Amino acid sequence: MTAPRQVLPGTTYLVTRRCSQRQFLLRPSATTNQVFRFVLALASRRYGIQVHAFCVLSNHFHLVVTDPCARLPAFHQFLDSLVARAINTSHGRRESFWAPGSFSAVALVAPTDVLEKTAYVLANPVAAGLVRRGRLWPGLWSAPEQIGGDPVRTPRPRRFFDPKGYLPEAIDLELSLPPGFGTAGAFREALLAALSDREAQAERTVRRGFLGVAKVLAQRPTRRPASEEEHRRLRPRVAARDRWRRIEALGQLLQFLHSYRRAWAARRAGALDVIFPAGTYHLRVAHGVPCAGYG
């Protein structure tokens, strides 16, 4: 049985999703950028997800988000489904858009971990050898100064979306300050410093020079990187720079998994009133099982 995902309210995550066969299906274009930003804003509003940062590369994307109401899977299902259908339509294709399996959601334990992973997300175009600085990336990339600033208004894309449908003609995407930080200005300052360090480190590791914007835009969506993907990579559930916080978070996750499996075994044995542990998502939402912390 696949290990269940623990979804607790108020958690901040680094979220990642990859395209099928590592194809460049999210390659930057006016259509792709508009579709993704519009759907992200729509999903954020619908499910109450707070967006802090994002970077959409050609074959995967990263988000840093906070989930106040434990609705991350529903948010992600909506985002993935609508983005896939809309961009597939723009490419004239019907095949699978996303890689098999679910999205990755790494819980960020402390504010320092949020800052570190946000810098990681924004340095991604440099680390991938695409452009010398994240700001040069022609795809979607959230500038640090947008966090806590004015929302970005995005009109509804013309293609795929019914102009007479229920979706709004335009929607605002706001980048909010992550929990645990005093002011947006202080967070932005710390993020800019961390991002500068990461970009400088990444630049030193690029051996063959940067691909550049022109070559990125010239790539066909059905192409994929020449380099082979690493197999059997770890799929972490939590990230904590502090060792003891990491041990504590992993211990709590392990306790959740043990409690979940005991409750599942009891339910299969006929104990329909067994209480599942806090953070149980699918069984609570889809089947209404009783869970700690809910009713």
Protein backbone atom coordinates (compact mmCIF):
# COMPACT_ATOMS: atom_id res chain seq x y z
CA MET A 1 0.00 0.00 0.00
CA THR A 2 1.30 3.46 -0.90
CA ALA A 3 2.17 5.49 2.18
CA PRO A 4 -0.60 8.04 2.84
CA ARG A 5 0.15 11.73 2.59
CA GLN A 6 -0.28 13.62 5.86
CA VAL A 7 -2.05 16.93 5.25
CA LEU A 8 -2.13 19.23 8.28
CA PRO A 9 -3.58 22.76 8.30
CA GLY A 10 -1.11 25.63 8.38
CA THR A 11 1.77 23.72 6.79
CA THR A 12 4.12 25.44 4.35
CA TYR A 13 5.35 23.26 1.47
CA LEU A 14 7.81 23.11 -1.37
CA VAL A 15 5.67 21.60 -4.15
CA THR A 16 7.12 20.09 -7.34
CA ARG A 17 5.50 18.52 -10.41
CA ARG A 18 7.27 17.16 -13.50
CA CYS A 19 6.10 16.76 -17.10
CA SER A 20 5.69 13.39 -18.78
CA GLN A 21 8.99 11.89 -19.98
CA ARG A 22 10.70 15.15 -18.96
CA GLN A 23 9.35 16.81 -22.10
CA PHE A 24 9.44 20.61 -22.43
CA LEU A 25 5.63 20.86 -22.32
CA LEU A 26 5.84 23.93 -20.07
CA ARG A 27 8.36 25.69 -22.33
CA PRO A 28 7.92 29.46 -21.89
CA SER A 29 5.51 31.16 -24.27
CA ALA A 30 2.91 33.88 -23.94
CA THR A 31 0.17 31.23 -23.86
CA THR A 32 1.85 28.91 -21.35
CA ASN A 33 2.78 31.77 -19.02
CA GLN A 34 -0.72 33.22 -19.07
CA VAL A 35 -2.46 29.86 -18.64
CA PHE A 36 -0.33 28.77 -15.69
CA ARG A 37 -0.55 32.10 -13.86
CA PHE A 38 -4.32 32.34 -14.41
CA VAL A 39 -4.97 28.79 -13.20
CA LEU A 40 -2.60 29.19 -10.23
CA ALA A 41 -4.46 32.33 -9.15
CA LEU A 42 -7.80 30.58 -9.66
CA ALA A 43 -6.78 27.49 -7.69
CA SER A 44 -5.27 29.61 -4.92
CA ARG A 45 -8.49 31.55 -4.46
CA ARG A 46 -10.75 28.49 -4.71
CA TYR A 47 -8.90 26.41 -2.11
CA GLY A 48 -7.52 29.12 0.15
CA ILE A 49 -3.87 28.33 -0.60
CA GLN A 50 -1.36 31.10 0.08
CA VAL A 51 1.25 31.37 -2.67
CA HIS A 52 4.67 32.74 -1.69
CA ALA A 53 6.92 31.96 -4.68
CA PHE A 54 6.99 29.98 -7.92
CA CYS A 55 9.19 29.06 -10.85
CA VAL A 56 7.90 27.27 -13.97
CA LEU A 57 10.71 25.70 -15.97
CA SER A 58 10.22 23.94 -19.31
CA ASN A 59 9.60 20.47 -17.88
CA HIS A 60 8.64 21.01 -14.24
CA PHE A 61 7.53 23.64 -11.78
CA HIS A 62 8.10 24.54 -8.15
CA LEU A 63 5.78 26.36 -5.74
CA VAL A 64 6.25 27.51 -2.17
CA VAL A 65 2.79 27.64 -0.59
CA THR A 66 1.03 27.55 2.77
CA ASP A 67 -2.12 25.47 3.24
CA PRO A 68 -4.23 27.01 6.06
CA CYS A 69 -7.20 24.63 5.71
CA ALA A 70 -5.53 21.30 4.76
CA ARG A 71 -6.74 21.37 1.14
CA LEU A 72 -3.45 20.99 -0.72
CA PRO A 73 -4.37 17.80 -2.66
CA ALA A 74 -7.61 19.35 -3.97
CA PHE A 75 -5.73 22.52 -4.93
CA HIS A 76 -3.10 20.55 -6.75
CA GLN A 77 -5.57 18.29 -8.53
CA PHE A 78 -7.39 21.36 -9.86
CA LEU A 79 -4.15 23.09 -10.87
CA ASP A 80 -2.68 20.01 -12.59
CA SER A 81 -5.87 19.11 -14.43
CA LEU A 82 -6.68 22.54 -15.82
CA VAL A 83 -3.08 23.41 -16.73
CA ALA A 84 -2.64 20.07 -18.51
CA ARG A 85 -5.84 20.35 -20.55
CA ALA A 86 -5.31 23.98 -21.50
CA ILE A 87 -1.65 23.67 -22.51
CA ASN A 88 -2.19 20.34 -24.25
CA THR A 89 -4.83 22.10 -26.34
CA SER A 90 -2.37 24.86 -27.25
CA HIS A 91 0.14 22.19 -28.36
CA GLY A 92 -2.48 20.20 -30.28
CA ARG A 93 -1.82 17.03 -28.27
CA ARG A 94 -3.88 14.62 -26.16
CA GLU A 95 -1.24 12.46 -24.47
CA SER A 96 -0.40 12.45 -20.77
CA PHE A 97 0.96 15.79 -19.65
CA TRP A 98 2.36 14.97 -16.20
CA ALA A 99 4.80 12.25 -15.17
CA PRO A 100 3.23 9.16 -13.55
CA GLY A 101 2.57 9.35 -9.84
CA SER A 102 1.60 12.22 -7.62
CA PHE A 103 3.14 15.60 -6.96
CA SER A 104 5.93 16.09 -4.44
CA ALA A 105 5.07 18.14 -1.35
CA VAL A 106 7.88 18.67 1.15
CA ALA A 107 6.78 20.16 4.47
CA LEU A 108 9.06 23.02 5.53
CA VAL A 109 9.54 22.81 9.26
CA ALA A 110 10.94 26.22 10.26
CA PRO A 111 11.05 29.75 8.80
CA THR A 112 14.74 29.24 7.94
CA ASP A 113 13.73 26.23 5.82
CA VAL A 114 11.08 28.31 4.04
CA LEU A 115 13.67 30.97 3.22
CA GLU A 116 16.20 28.40 2.00
CA LYS A 117 13.73 26.54 -0.23
CA THR A 118 12.32 29.78 -1.65
CA ALA A 119 15.84 30.79 -2.69
CA TYR A 120 16.30 27.29 -4.15
CA VAL A 121 13.14 27.68 -6.25
CA LEU A 122 14.13 31.08 -7.62
CA ALA A 123 17.69 29.96 -8.40
CA ASN A 124 16.43 26.96 -10.42
CA PRO A 125 16.92 28.50 -13.89
CA VAL A 126 20.56 29.20 -13.03
CA ALA A 127 21.19 25.79 -11.45
CA ALA A 128 19.75 24.16 -14.58
CA GLY A 129 22.26 26.04 -16.78
CA LEU A 130 19.56 27.96 -18.63
CA VAL A 131 20.16 31.64 -17.79
CA ARG A 132 22.78 33.49 -15.74
CA ARG A 133 20.22 34.98 -13.33
CA GLY A 134 16.70 33.92 -12.39
CA ARG A 135 15.32 37.29 -13.45
CA LEU A 136 16.34 36.54 -17.03
CA TRP A 137 14.14 33.44 -17.23
CA PRO A 138 11.40 34.03 -19.89
CA GLY A 139 8.92 31.74 -18.16
CA LEU A 140 7.03 32.35 -14.94
CA TRP A 141 9.34 33.40 -12.12
CA SER A 142 8.25 35.29 -9.02
CA ALA A 143 10.47 38.24 -8.20
CA PRO A 144 11.27 38.60 -4.47
CA GLU A 145 9.95 42.19 -4.44
CA GLN A 146 6.47 40.88 -5.34
CA ILE A 147 6.14 39.10 -1.99
CA GLY A 148 3.81 41.19 0.15
CA GLY A 149 3.40 43.65 -2.71
CA ASP A 150 0.61 44.45 -5.14
CA PRO A 151 -1.15 41.46 -6.75
CA VAL A 152 -0.55 40.70 -10.42
CA ARG A 153 -3.73 40.76 -12.50
CA THR A 154 -4.00 38.10 -15.21
CA PRO A 155 -6.72 38.08 -17.88
CA ARG A 156 -8.46 34.84 -18.76
CA PRO A 157 -6.64 33.17 -21.69
CA ARG A 158 -8.54 33.28 -24.96
CA ARG A 159 -7.84 29.70 -26.01
CA PHE A 160 -9.50 26.72 -24.29
CA PHE A 161 -11.38 28.81 -21.70
CA ASP A 162 -15.02 29.49 -22.62
CA PRO A 163 -15.61 33.27 -22.76
CA LYS A 164 -19.23 32.59 -21.74
CA GLY A 165 -18.29 30.22 -18.93
CA TYR A 166 -18.22 30.74 -15.19
CA LEU A 167 -14.54 31.67 -14.87
CA PRO A 168 -13.73 35.36 -14.28
CA GLU A 169 -12.47 37.57 -17.08
CA ALA A 170 -9.39 38.35 -14.99
CA ILE A 171 -8.03 37.34 -11.60
CA ASP A 172 -5.38 38.63 -9.19
CA LEU A 173 -2.46 36.52 -8.01
CA GLU A 174 -1.04 37.72 -4.73
CA LEU A 175 2.28 36.57 -3.27
CA SER A 176 1.89 36.64 0.49
CA LEU A 177 4.49 36.75 3.24
CA PRO A 178 5.19 33.21 4.56
CA PRO A 179 4.28 32.52 8.21
CA GLY A 180 6.98 33.07 10.80
CA PHE A 181 8.45 36.30 9.41
CA GLY A 182 7.94 39.75 10.89
CA THR A 183 7.63 41.96 7.83
CA ALA A 184 7.59 41.50 4.07
CA GLY A 185 10.51 43.92 3.74
CA ALA A 186 12.73 41.91 6.09
CA PHE A 187 11.84 38.66 4.32
CA ARG A 188 12.52 40.12 0.88
CA GLU A 189 15.91 41.43 2.02
CA ALA A 190 16.91 38.04 3.43
CA LEU A 191 15.62 36.27 0.33
CA LEU A 192 17.56 38.50 -2.05
CA ALA A 193 20.77 37.76 -0.14
CA ALA A 194 20.11 34.00 -0.09
CA LEU A 195 19.17 34.01 -3.78
CA SER A 196 22.33 35.91 -4.72
CA ASP A 197 24.44 33.32 -2.89
CA ARG A 198 22.67 30.40 -4.56
CA GLU A 199 22.92 31.91 -8.02
CA ALA A 200 26.62 32.59 -7.56
CA GLN A 201 27.21 29.00 -6.40
CA ALA A 202 25.17 27.61 -9.30
CA GLU A 203 27.02 29.77 -11.83
CA ARG A 204 30.34 28.31 -10.71
CA THR A 205 29.12 24.77 -11.43
CA VAL A 206 27.94 25.44 -15.01
CA ARG A 207 30.72 24.05 -17.21
CA ARG A 208 29.43 24.49 -20.75
CA GLY A 209 27.93 27.95 -20.48
CA PHE A 210 24.29 28.91 -20.21
CA LEU A 211 21.78 27.85 -22.85
CA GLY A 212 20.29 31.36 -23.08
CA VAL A 213 16.82 32.72 -23.66
CA ALA A 214 16.81 32.39 -27.46
CA LYS A 215 17.65 28.69 -27.42
CA VAL A 216 15.15 28.02 -24.61
CA LEU A 217 12.36 29.60 -26.66
CA ALA A 218 13.42 27.69 -29.79
CA GLN A 219 13.03 24.27 -28.15
CA ARG A 220 10.12 22.12 -29.28
CA PRO A 221 7.68 21.19 -26.48
CA THR A 222 8.07 17.48 -27.27
CA ARG A 223 11.87 17.54 -26.82
CA ARG A 224 13.53 16.65 -23.54
CA PRO A 225 16.96 17.09 -21.94
CA ALA A 226 19.84 15.10 -23.39
CA SER A 227 21.11 14.18 -19.93
CA GLU A 228 19.69 11.11 -18.22
CA GLU A 229 17.50 11.54 -15.16
CA GLU A 230 18.71 10.12 -11.88
CA HIS A 231 16.75 7.02 -10.85
CA ARG A 232 15.84 5.85 -7.38
CA ARG A 233 16.04 9.38 -6.02
CA LEU A 234 14.84 10.01 -2.49
CA ARG A 235 11.39 11.55 -2.16
CA PRO A 236 11.56 13.52 1.10
CA ARG A 237 8.40 14.44 3.00
CA VAL A 238 9.97 17.07 5.27
CA ALA A 239 12.85 19.54 5.08
CA ALA A 240 14.58 20.96 8.14
CA ARG A 241 18.09 22.40 8.27
CA ASP A 242 18.22 21.93 12.03
CA ARG A 243 19.03 18.30 12.80
CA TRP A 244 16.88 18.00 15.91
CA ARG A 245 13.87 19.62 14.27
CA ARG A 246 14.28 17.23 11.36
CA ILE A 247 14.42 14.23 13.70
CA GLU A 248 11.32 15.49 15.53
CA ALA A 249 9.40 16.07 12.27
CA LEU A 250 10.32 12.64 10.93
CA GLY A 251 9.32 11.06 14.23
CA GLN A 252 5.91 12.73 14.06
CA LEU A 253 5.46 11.57 10.46
CA LEU A 254 6.40 8.02 11.41
CA GLN A 255 3.91 8.11 14.28
CA PHE A 256 1.21 9.27 11.85
CA LEU A 257 1.98 6.39 9.46
CA HIS A 258 1.85 3.80 12.26
CA SER A 259 -1.42 5.23 13.64
CA TYR A 260 -2.94 5.37 10.15
CA ARG A 261 -2.10 1.75 9.41
CA ARG A 262 -3.47 0.57 12.76
CA ALA A 263 -6.69 2.49 12.12
CA TRP A 264 -6.92 1.12 8.59
CA ALA A 265 -6.46 -2.45 9.82
CA ALA A 266 -9.14 -1.92 12.45
CA ARG A 267 -11.57 -0.46 9.91
CA ARG A 268 -11.02 -3.37 7.53
CA ALA A 269 -11.77 -5.67 10.45
CA GLY A 270 -15.16 -3.98 10.89
CA ALA A 271 -14.50 -1.19 13.40
CA LEU A 272 -16.14 1.59 11.37
CA ASP A 273 -15.99 4.06 14.25
CA VAL A 274 -12.19 3.91 14.59
CA ILE A 275 -10.58 7.37 14.69
CA PHE A 276 -7.90 8.02 12.08
CA PRO A 277 -4.96 10.29 13.02
CA ALA A 278 -4.88 14.01 12.33
CA GLY A 279 -3.67 14.70 8.83
CA THR A 280 -5.59 11.85 7.18
CA TYR A 281 -6.85 13.32 3.92
CA HIS A 282 -8.30 11.01 1.26
CA LEU A 283 -10.34 8.77 3.56
CA ARG A 284 -11.71 11.81 5.40
CA VAL A 285 -12.64 13.76 2.25
CA ALA A 286 -13.75 10.93 -0.04
CA HIS A 287 -15.26 8.52 2.47
CA GLY A 288 -16.07 10.60 5.55
CA VAL A 289 -14.07 8.52 8.04
CA PRO A 290 -13.77 10.07 11.52
CA CYS A 291 -10.40 11.77 12.06
CA ALA A 292 -8.75 13.41 15.03
CA GLY A 293 -9.22 17.16 14.94
CA TYR A 294 -12.32 17.04 12.73
CA GLY A 295 -15.69 17.01 14.47
